[in-house]
Amino acid sequence: MRIESRRSRRPKAGQDGKRRTHIGGQALIEGVMMRGKLNWAVAVREPDGNMHSEEHPLSKKGKRAAWLSWPLVRGCVALVDSLVLGYKALEIAANHAFADEDEEAKDVAEEVVAGGLCVDGEFDGRACVVSEADQVCAGEALKVADEPKKSEGDSADGASAGSASDEDEGEHTFSWKYDFGRPDTVIDALGAQRTLEVVTEPDPENGNRASKPAKNAESSQEPDAADGDDEPFFGKAEMAISLVMGLVLGIALFIFLPAFASNVLVGEYETAPLAWNIVDGVMRVAIFVFYVWLIGRMKDIKRMFSYHGAEHKTIHCYEHGLELTPENARSFPRLHVRCGTAFLIMVMIIAILVYTIIPLNLLIEGWGISGPAAFALLIVVRIALMPLIAGISYEITVKWAGSHPENPLVKVVLWPGMQMQRLTTNEPDDEMLECAIAAMQRVLEREEREEAARA
């Protein structure tokens, strides 16, 4: 009976708390982004288990023209803002969620030296036996990774000292079996040059010595000094390319492919516009559901969907006035009425209505075109109508449904999107909830400071 009473007190997916909030979020790679009225914050779980968080101010809406806040228009503006902000947050997450390859190689060498990583076989959590030669080789690789780059003279001295020690301890024989995963050892065995040496012109005043050796030494160390500043894993160019590729893929999957399938199943558009639009819309929804289900099988995307659930649970927890802790957030559902997934489903439903109402068949007949030309016009018109469709969907899902979550009609309209969230969200663990809470708290703290300053 106690278990049943606890379940009865658990809030439902479409049930908002007494506290209304404007804060929304987005799941990232190993993290969560939260957005408020004044700023947006990102919290990312790094490979070493630590959590990185940072916040950035939002651009002031007062600088924008008044017409950008008109109904239908504001939906398109909000969509563009969300895309830009989402890519910025993804860039931050990608730069902190992936381990540095050099650090990984160093960690592997340390584990080999300690005898805790099997060289020939998988690590099973137990200390494994490593030969003395392997430990010596791994130790040399670790030593090379740790010590700074030396000049040519120092390298020569080190080589002579190393040869002397090899004569005393016995030279290690290179083996592809044991040394394949050690790049420094492979480079030494192949006799390859480790660094690109800069050849300088001789100075007539100083004989054959290179002019300004101190300056050359400093310039060769400048990249090393800059190594402390981590270069972005994804730069602006990569993000721009991925954004363009994403748009092209979206048009191909959700506009071109359903239209092509409708042409095959129903025939040309002008012969049966109503049936063609219905088949086109059903095919679009089916492709979208299958696409989400398919990428949800990937390990990284599956974890991102868990962070999506953590974002929803954290917002639920705040809306119900509870302290933001993993224990409190864990008890809430992973579905939320203001989720962007519901917006995407609404876009596809509204698209069927808009495409059916627009008398495109009359335009095709009036221009006297058919075949590939009519199909191309169909695709162009569908792309051109996307801003209108997005604006209508925004007014329904965000403005109307978000303001009346308990309205029975709202629950009926948003039911498809709520069910779709069962694919786009997973149950998070406590570390994921901690990231969502950290991002939420940074947004709340900024708004509390602004309110205190105005008071």
Protein backbone atom coordinates (compact mmCIF):
# COMPACT_ATOMS: atom_id res chain seq x y z
CA MET A 1 0.00 0.00 0.00
CA ARG A 2 2.86 2.40 0.71
CA ILE A 3 4.30 1.87 -2.74
CA GLU A 4 0.95 2.65 -4.33
CA SER A 5 0.54 5.82 -2.28
CA ARG A 6 4.00 7.04 -3.33
CA ARG A 7 3.25 6.39 -6.95
CA SER A 8 -0.04 8.25 -6.66
CA ARG A 9 1.80 11.31 -5.34
CA ARG A 10 4.31 11.30 -8.20
CA PRO A 11 3.49 14.13 -10.66
CA LYS A 12 2.36 13.21 -14.14
CA ALA A 13 4.23 14.10 -17.31
CA GLY A 14 1.93 16.94 -18.32
CA GLN A 15 1.46 18.33 -14.83
CA ASP A 16 3.29 21.56 -14.11
CA GLY A 17 3.96 22.79 -10.62
CA LYS A 18 2.62 25.95 -9.01
CA ARG A 19 5.76 27.89 -9.94
CA ARG A 20 5.79 28.90 -13.59
CA THR A 21 9.17 29.39 -15.20
CA HIS A 22 10.41 30.77 -18.49
CA ILE A 23 13.63 28.75 -18.26
CA GLY A 24 14.18 26.18 -20.95
CA GLY A 25 17.06 23.91 -21.82
CA GLN A 26 18.76 21.65 -24.30
CA ALA A 27 20.63 18.39 -23.98
CA LEU A 28 24.27 18.46 -25.09
CA ILE A 29 27.14 16.04 -25.50
CA GLU A 30 27.73 14.96 -21.89
CA GLY A 31 25.98 18.03 -20.56
CA VAL A 32 22.99 20.36 -20.40
CA MET A 33 22.37 23.96 -21.44
CA MET A 34 19.81 26.10 -19.59
CA ARG A 35 18.52 29.43 -20.88
CA GLY A 36 16.84 32.21 -18.92
CA LYS A 37 15.86 35.81 -19.65
CA LEU A 38 19.30 37.28 -19.03
CA ASN A 39 21.83 34.54 -19.67
CA TRP A 40 22.43 30.96 -20.66
CA ALA A 41 24.62 28.43 -18.87
CA VAL A 42 26.30 25.15 -19.80
CA ALA A 43 27.39 22.34 -17.50
CA VAL A 44 29.46 19.51 -19.03
CA ARG A 45 30.82 16.32 -17.51
CA GLU A 46 34.49 16.00 -18.45
CA PRO A 47 36.26 12.67 -19.10
CA ASP A 48 38.00 12.77 -15.71
CA GLY A 49 34.63 12.99 -13.93
CA ASN A 50 34.86 16.69 -13.07
CA MET A 51 32.13 19.07 -14.13
CA HIS A 52 32.79 22.22 -16.15
CA SER A 53 30.20 25.01 -16.10
CA GLU A 54 30.12 28.47 -17.60
CA GLU A 55 27.54 31.14 -18.38
CA HIS A 56 27.12 33.79 -21.08
CA PRO A 57 24.82 36.82 -21.34
CA LEU A 58 21.96 36.90 -23.82
CA SER A 59 21.71 39.67 -26.36
CA LYS A 60 19.28 42.38 -25.28
CA LYS A 61 16.00 42.16 -27.12
CA GLY A 62 15.49 45.90 -26.80
CA LYS A 63 17.86 46.45 -29.72
CA ARG A 64 15.60 44.52 -32.08
CA ALA A 65 12.87 46.00 -34.23
CA ALA A 66 9.34 45.90 -32.84
CA TRP A 67 7.98 43.85 -35.76
CA LEU A 68 10.22 40.92 -34.76
CA SER A 69 7.91 40.43 -31.76
CA TRP A 70 4.76 40.15 -33.87
CA PRO A 71 2.84 36.83 -33.81
CA LEU A 72 4.16 34.29 -36.33
CA VAL A 73 7.32 36.36 -36.81
CA ARG A 74 8.48 35.85 -33.22
CA GLY A 75 8.30 32.10 -33.72
CA CYS A 76 10.80 32.25 -36.59
CA VAL A 77 13.06 34.57 -34.58
CA ALA A 78 12.91 32.24 -31.58
CA LEU A 79 13.74 29.26 -33.80
CA VAL A 80 16.80 30.97 -35.28
CA ASP A 81 17.94 32.09 -31.82
CA SER A 82 17.58 28.56 -30.51
CA LEU A 83 19.60 27.11 -33.39
CA VAL A 84 22.43 29.63 -32.98
CA LEU A 85 22.50 29.27 -29.21
CA GLY A 86 22.29 25.50 -29.44
CA TYR A 87 25.32 25.31 -31.71
CA LYS A 88 27.30 27.57 -29.39
CA ALA A 89 26.44 25.32 -26.46
CA LEU A 90 27.31 22.21 -28.45
CA GLU A 91 30.70 23.71 -29.30
CA ILE A 92 31.43 24.28 -25.61
CA ALA A 93 30.28 20.77 -24.73
CA ALA A 94 32.37 19.17 -27.48
CA ASN A 95 35.49 21.03 -26.32
CA HIS A 96 35.13 19.68 -22.78
CA ALA A 97 33.48 16.29 -23.24
CA PHE A 98 36.31 14.63 -25.18
CA ALA A 99 39.67 13.65 -23.72
CA ASP A 100 42.92 14.94 -25.17
CA GLU A 101 44.74 12.24 -27.15
CA ASP A 102 48.12 13.12 -25.65
CA GLU A 103 46.76 12.83 -22.13
CA GLU A 104 45.18 9.47 -22.98
CA ALA A 105 48.51 8.15 -24.31
CA LYS A 106 50.27 9.35 -21.17
CA ASP A 107 47.68 7.66 -18.95
CA VAL A 108 48.08 4.41 -20.86
CA ALA A 109 51.86 4.51 -20.43
CA GLU A 110 51.50 5.16 -16.70
CA GLU A 111 49.17 2.17 -16.33
CA VAL A 112 51.57 -0.07 -18.25
CA VAL A 113 54.43 0.97 -16.00
CA ALA A 114 52.27 0.26 -12.95
CA GLY A 115 51.35 -3.16 -14.32
CA GLY A 116 47.66 -2.33 -14.35
CA LEU A 117 46.98 -2.50 -18.10
CA CYS A 118 47.33 -5.57 -20.25
CA VAL A 119 49.38 -4.96 -23.36
CA ASP A 120 48.33 -8.16 -25.10
CA GLY A 121 44.63 -8.48 -24.25
CA GLU A 122 41.85 -6.51 -22.63
CA PHE A 123 42.11 -5.01 -19.18
CA ASP A 124 39.88 -6.94 -16.80
CA GLY A 125 40.26 -4.72 -13.72
CA ARG A 126 43.00 -6.88 -12.18
CA ALA A 127 46.72 -6.30 -12.12
CA CYS A 128 48.25 -8.19 -15.02
CA VAL A 129 51.77 -9.46 -15.47
CA VAL A 130 53.91 -7.31 -17.73
CA SER A 131 57.37 -8.27 -18.77
CA GLU A 132 60.32 -6.19 -17.61
CA ALA A 133 61.13 -5.21 -21.18
CA ASP A 134 57.59 -3.86 -21.68
CA GLN A 135 57.85 -1.82 -18.49
CA VAL A 136 61.18 -0.35 -19.60
CA CYS A 137 59.75 0.54 -23.01
CA ALA A 138 56.62 2.10 -21.52
CA GLY A 139 58.74 4.00 -19.04
CA GLU A 140 60.85 5.42 -21.85
CA ALA A 141 57.71 6.50 -23.73
CA LEU A 142 56.36 8.17 -20.61
CA LYS A 143 59.68 9.89 -20.00
CA VAL A 144 59.73 11.24 -23.55
CA ALA A 145 56.15 12.54 -23.15
CA ASP A 146 56.99 14.32 -19.89
CA GLU A 147 60.33 15.93 -20.66
CA PRO A 148 60.40 19.24 -22.62
CA LYS A 149 61.77 19.53 -26.11
CA LYS A 150 65.53 19.95 -26.22
CA SER A 151 67.87 21.63 -28.60
CA GLU A 152 69.98 19.76 -31.08
CA GLY A 153 72.97 19.70 -28.78
CA ASP A 154 70.96 18.41 -25.85
CA SER A 155 69.46 15.74 -28.05
CA ALA A 156 72.92 14.61 -29.04
CA ASP A 157 74.02 14.44 -25.39
CA GLY A 158 70.86 12.56 -24.50
CA ALA A 159 71.43 10.12 -27.34
CA SER A 160 74.97 9.40 -26.21
CA ALA A 161 73.83 8.97 -22.62
CA GLY A 162 71.00 6.72 -23.77
CA SER A 163 73.37 4.55 -25.81
CA ALA A 164 75.63 4.17 -22.80
CA SER A 165 72.75 3.09 -20.62
CA ASP A 166 71.60 0.64 -23.29
CA GLU A 167 75.01 -0.99 -23.25
CA ASP A 168 74.72 -1.41 -19.47
CA GLU A 169 71.10 -2.57 -19.25
CA GLY A 170 70.67 -4.25 -22.60
CA GLU A 171 68.99 -2.69 -25.63
CA HIS A 172 65.25 -3.22 -25.95
CA THR A 173 64.26 -4.96 -29.20
CA PHE A 174 61.37 -3.31 -31.04
CA SER A 175 58.28 -5.48 -31.49
CA TRP A 176 55.16 -4.63 -33.47
CA LYS A 177 53.17 -6.84 -31.12
CA TYR A 178 53.96 -4.88 -27.96
CA ASP A 179 55.04 -1.49 -29.29
CA PHE A 180 52.30 -0.80 -31.89
CA GLY A 181 50.30 1.38 -29.48
CA ARG A 182 53.34 3.48 -28.43
CA PRO A 183 53.90 6.20 -31.03
CA ASP A 184 57.18 7.44 -29.52
CA THR A 185 58.69 3.95 -29.60
CA VAL A 186 57.54 3.38 -33.18
CA ILE A 187 59.05 6.70 -34.29
CA ASP A 188 62.38 5.81 -32.68
CA ALA A 189 62.39 2.35 -34.23
CA LEU A 190 61.69 3.71 -37.71
CA GLY A 191 64.30 6.42 -37.31
CA ALA A 192 61.79 9.17 -38.08
CA GLN A 193 62.39 12.78 -37.13
CA ARG A 194 60.34 13.87 -34.11
CA THR A 195 60.27 17.62 -34.76
CA LEU A 196 60.63 19.92 -37.73
CA GLU A 197 63.92 21.71 -37.20
CA VAL A 198 64.13 25.31 -38.44
CA VAL A 199 67.22 25.93 -40.57
CA THR A 200 68.61 29.43 -40.07
CA GLU A 201 70.99 31.40 -42.22
CA PRO A 202 74.56 31.70 -40.85
CA ASP A 203 75.57 35.04 -39.40
CA PRO A 204 78.76 36.38 -40.99
CA GLU A 205 79.69 38.18 -37.77
CA ASN A 206 79.36 35.06 -35.61
CA GLY A 207 80.90 32.59 -37.96
CA ASN A 208 78.87 29.49 -38.80
CA ARG A 209 76.60 29.80 -35.80
CA ALA A 210 72.96 30.61 -36.46
CA SER A 211 72.02 34.23 -35.90
CA LYS A 212 69.89 35.09 -32.89
CA PRO A 213 69.69 31.62 -31.39
CA ALA A 214 67.87 32.89 -28.31
CA LYS A 215 65.07 34.29 -30.43
CA ASN A 216 64.73 31.00 -32.32
CA ALA A 217 64.52 29.11 -29.07
CA GLU A 218 61.78 31.39 -27.83
CA SER A 219 59.77 31.07 -31.04
CA SER A 220 60.02 27.29 -30.94
CA GLN A 221 58.65 27.36 -27.41
CA GLU A 222 55.78 29.69 -28.24
CA PRO A 223 53.57 26.88 -29.57
CA ASP A 224 54.42 24.85 -26.46
CA ALA A 225 53.44 27.75 -24.23
CA ALA A 226 50.24 28.09 -26.17
CA ASP A 227 49.49 24.42 -25.62
CA GLY A 228 48.14 25.36 -22.24
CA ASP A 229 45.27 27.12 -24.00
CA ASP A 230 43.23 24.23 -25.29
CA GLU A 231 42.32 24.61 -28.93
CA PRO A 232 38.62 24.10 -29.63
CA PHE A 233 37.66 20.57 -30.59
CA PHE A 234 35.17 22.10 -33.01
CA GLY A 235 35.97 25.53 -34.36
CA LYS A 236 33.60 28.02 -35.96
CA ALA A 237 34.32 26.66 -39.43
CA GLU A 238 33.48 23.11 -38.36
CA MET A 239 30.30 24.29 -36.66
CA ALA A 240 29.25 26.26 -39.77
CA ILE A 241 29.88 23.24 -41.98
CA SER A 242 27.91 20.98 -39.66
CA LEU A 243 25.04 23.49 -39.60
CA VAL A 244 24.89 23.63 -43.40
CA MET A 245 25.13 19.84 -43.65
CA GLY A 246 22.36 19.52 -41.07
CA LEU A 247 20.08 21.82 -43.08
CA VAL A 248 20.82 19.93 -46.28
CA LEU A 249 20.17 16.60 -44.56
CA GLY A 250 16.91 17.92 -43.07
CA ILE A 251 15.66 19.11 -46.46
CA ALA A 252 16.65 15.81 -48.08
CA LEU A 253 15.06 13.60 -45.41
CA PHE A 254 11.94 15.53 -44.46
CA ILE A 255 11.01 17.40 -47.65
CA PHE A 256 12.54 15.75 -50.72
CA LEU A 257 12.23 12.09 -49.68
CA PRO A 258 8.53 12.24 -48.59
CA ALA A 259 7.67 14.16 -51.77
CA PHE A 260 9.48 11.62 -53.93
CA ALA A 261 7.74 8.74 -52.14
CA SER A 262 4.36 10.45 -52.60
CA ASN A 263 5.02 10.79 -56.33
CA VAL A 264 5.75 7.07 -56.50
CA LEU A 265 2.75 5.97 -54.40
CA VAL A 266 0.08 8.46 -55.49
CA GLY A 267 1.32 9.93 -58.74
CA GLU A 268 2.05 13.52 -59.67
CA TYR A 269 0.84 16.20 -57.29
CA GLU A 270 -1.66 17.90 -59.61
CA THR A 271 -3.59 14.65 -60.22
CA ALA A 272 -4.67 14.20 -56.54
CA PRO A 273 -3.45 17.07 -54.31
CA LEU A 274 -5.35 16.03 -51.16
CA ALA A 275 -4.23 12.40 -51.19
CA TRP A 276 -0.71 13.48 -52.18
CA ASN A 277 -0.42 15.86 -49.20
CA ILE A 278 -1.76 13.29 -46.73
CA VAL A 279 0.70 10.62 -47.93
CA ASP A 280 3.49 13.21 -47.90
CA GLY A 281 2.72 14.20 -44.30
CA VAL A 282 2.43 10.62 -43.05
CA MET A 283 5.70 9.70 -44.75
CA ARG A 284 7.42 12.72 -43.15
CA VAL A 285 6.28 11.77 -39.66
CA ALA A 286 7.25 8.12 -40.23
CA ILE A 287 10.73 9.08 -41.45
CA PHE A 288 11.19 11.41 -38.47
CA VAL A 289 10.15 8.77 -35.93
CA PHE A 290 12.37 6.14 -37.55
CA TYR A 291 15.29 8.59 -37.72
CA VAL A 292 15.00 9.45 -34.01
CA TRP A 293 14.65 5.78 -33.08
CA LEU A 294 17.67 4.87 -35.21
CA ILE A 295 20.05 7.49 -33.86
CA GLY A 296 18.80 6.67 -30.36
CA ARG A 297 20.53 3.29 -30.70
CA MET A 298 23.92 5.04 -30.83
CA LYS A 299 25.79 5.13 -27.54
CA ASP A 300 26.55 8.87 -27.51
CA ILE A 301 23.04 9.85 -28.61
CA LYS A 302 21.54 7.54 -26.04
CA ARG A 303 23.49 9.36 -23.33
CA MET A 304 22.41 12.70 -24.79
CA PHE A 305 18.79 11.58 -24.52
CA SER A 306 19.48 10.78 -20.85
CA TYR A 307 20.74 14.34 -20.38
CA HIS A 308 17.51 15.43 -22.08
CA GLY A 309 15.60 13.59 -19.38
CA ALA A 310 17.76 15.23 -16.72
CA GLU A 311 16.91 18.65 -18.13
CA HIS A 312 13.16 17.92 -17.93
CA LYS A 313 13.35 16.49 -14.42
CA THR A 314 15.29 19.52 -13.18
CA ILE A 315 12.75 21.96 -14.62
CA HIS A 316 9.92 19.90 -13.10
CA CYS A 317 11.67 20.02 -9.72
CA TYR A 318 12.02 23.80 -9.87
CA GLU A 319 8.42 24.28 -11.00
CA HIS A 320 7.19 22.28 -8.03
CA GLY A 321 9.16 24.46 -5.61
CA LEU A 322 11.53 21.77 -4.34
CA GLU A 323 15.21 22.13 -3.61
CA LEU A 324 17.30 21.38 -6.66
CA THR A 325 18.99 18.11 -5.72
CA PRO A 326 19.40 14.86 -7.66
CA GLU A 327 17.23 13.09 -5.07
CA ASN A 328 14.31 15.48 -5.57
CA ALA A 329 14.67 15.74 -9.35
CA ARG A 330 14.86 11.97 -9.76
CA SER A 331 11.23 11.50 -8.66
CA PHE A 332 9.78 13.57 -11.53
CA PRO A 333 8.87 12.31 -15.02
CA ARG A 334 11.26 12.72 -17.89
CA LEU A 335 8.53 14.15 -20.18
CA HIS A 336 7.64 17.83 -20.23
CA VAL A 337 4.89 19.76 -21.95
CA ARG A 338 7.24 22.54 -23.17
CA CYS A 339 9.73 20.21 -24.84
CA GLY A 340 11.05 21.03 -28.30
CA THR A 341 10.13 17.53 -29.47
CA ALA A 342 6.45 18.48 -29.17
CA PHE A 343 7.21 21.55 -31.27
CA LEU A 344 8.75 19.42 -34.04
CA ILE A 345 5.75 17.09 -34.14
CA MET A 346 3.43 20.11 -34.24
CA VAL A 347 5.46 21.50 -37.17
CA MET A 348 4.81 18.31 -39.14
CA ILE A 349 1.10 18.34 -38.34
CA ILE A 350 0.70 22.02 -39.25
CA ALA A 351 2.70 21.39 -42.44
CA ILE A 352 0.05 18.93 -43.65
CA LEU A 353 -2.69 21.55 -43.15
CA VAL A 354 -0.75 24.43 -44.72
CA TYR A 355 0.39 22.43 -47.74
CA THR A 356 -3.17 21.20 -48.30
CA ILE A 357 -4.70 24.68 -48.10
CA ILE A 358 -2.22 26.30 -50.51
CA PRO A 359 -3.66 25.73 -54.03
CA LEU A 360 -0.36 24.83 -55.59
CA ASN A 361 -2.05 22.65 -58.21
CA LEU A 362 -3.70 25.75 -59.70
CA LEU A 363 -0.30 27.41 -60.02
CA ILE A 364 1.14 24.34 -61.72
CA GLU A 365 -1.75 24.15 -64.17
CA GLY A 366 -1.65 27.90 -64.80
CA TRP A 367 2.01 27.82 -65.67
CA GLY A 368 1.54 24.70 -67.75
CA ILE A 369 4.45 22.81 -66.18
CA SER A 370 4.68 19.13 -65.29
CA GLY A 371 7.14 16.39 -64.51
CA PRO A 372 10.49 17.39 -62.99
CA ALA A 373 9.72 21.12 -63.26
CA ALA A 374 6.48 20.73 -61.25
CA PHE A 375 8.28 18.59 -58.69
CA ALA A 376 11.05 21.19 -58.32
CA LEU A 377 8.45 23.94 -57.82
CA LEU A 378 6.79 21.76 -55.19
CA ILE A 379 10.06 21.43 -53.22
CA VAL A 380 10.84 25.16 -53.47
CA VAL A 381 7.37 26.16 -52.24
CA ARG A 382 7.61 23.73 -49.32
CA ILE A 383 10.94 25.21 -48.24
CA ALA A 384 9.60 28.77 -48.63
CA LEU A 385 6.57 27.98 -46.43
CA MET A 386 8.67 26.60 -43.55
CA PRO A 387 8.93 29.96 -41.72
CA LEU A 388 5.13 30.32 -41.75
CA ILE A 389 4.69 26.76 -40.50
CA ALA A 390 7.27 27.28 -37.75
CA GLY A 391 5.56 30.52 -36.68
CA ILE A 392 2.13 28.87 -36.41
CA SER A 393 3.59 25.90 -34.51
CA TYR A 394 5.35 28.26 -32.08
CA GLU A 395 2.12 30.11 -31.31
CA ILE A 396 0.33 26.82 -30.59
CA THR A 397 2.93 24.86 -28.65
CA VAL A 398 4.81 27.62 -26.80
CA LYS A 399 2.47 30.57 -26.40
CA TRP A 400 -0.90 28.85 -26.10
CA ALA A 401 -0.12 25.35 -24.81
CA GLY A 402 2.71 26.57 -22.59
CA SER A 403 0.37 29.06 -20.90
CA HIS A 404 -2.52 26.57 -20.46
CA PRO A 405 -0.91 23.19 -19.68
CA GLU A 406 -3.95 21.91 -17.78
CA ASN A 407 -6.40 22.66 -20.58
CA PRO A 408 -7.91 19.36 -21.84
CA LEU A 409 -7.64 20.53 -25.46
CA VAL A 410 -3.95 21.31 -24.93
CA LYS A 411 -3.37 17.77 -23.69
CA VAL A 412 -5.05 16.38 -26.79
CA VAL A 413 -3.08 18.62 -29.16
CA LEU A 414 0.27 17.91 -27.49
CA TRP A 415 -0.31 14.19 -26.95
CA PRO A 416 1.67 13.11 -30.07
CA GLY A 417 4.64 15.25 -29.02
CA MET A 418 4.50 13.95 -25.46
CA GLN A 419 4.60 10.36 -26.72
CA MET A 420 7.49 11.23 -29.03
CA GLN A 421 9.48 12.25 -25.96
CA ARG A 422 9.54 8.62 -24.92
CA LEU A 423 12.06 8.18 -27.74
CA THR A 424 14.03 11.41 -27.20
CA THR A 425 14.45 11.09 -23.42
CA ASN A 426 15.94 8.40 -21.19
CA GLU A 427 16.21 8.05 -17.45
CA PRO A 428 19.32 9.94 -16.27
CA ASP A 429 21.77 9.03 -13.53
CA ASP A 430 22.68 11.34 -10.66
CA GLU A 431 25.76 12.75 -12.43
CA MET A 432 23.57 13.84 -15.33
CA LEU A 433 21.10 15.41 -12.95
CA GLU A 434 23.97 17.27 -11.28
CA CYS A 435 24.92 18.82 -14.63
CA ALA A 436 21.36 19.94 -15.31
CA ILE A 437 21.04 21.36 -11.79
CA ALA A 438 24.37 23.20 -12.07
CA ALA A 439 23.32 24.87 -15.33
CA MET A 440 19.92 25.74 -13.84
CA GLN A 441 21.45 27.25 -10.73
CA ARG A 442 23.77 29.52 -12.71
CA VAL A 443 20.79 30.91 -14.63
CA LEU A 444 18.78 31.40 -11.43
CA GLU A 445 21.68 33.05 -9.61
CA ARG A 446 22.10 35.60 -12.40
CA GLU A 447 18.41 36.49 -12.34
CA GLU A 448 18.39 36.73 -8.54
CA ARG A 449 21.33 39.13 -8.65
CA GLU A 450 19.54 41.32 -11.19
CA GLU A 451 16.37 41.37 -9.08
CA ALA A 452 18.36 42.28 -5.96
CA ALA A 453 20.11 45.10 -7.84
CA ARG A 454 16.80 46.54 -9.01
CA ALA A 455 15.37 46.33 -5.49
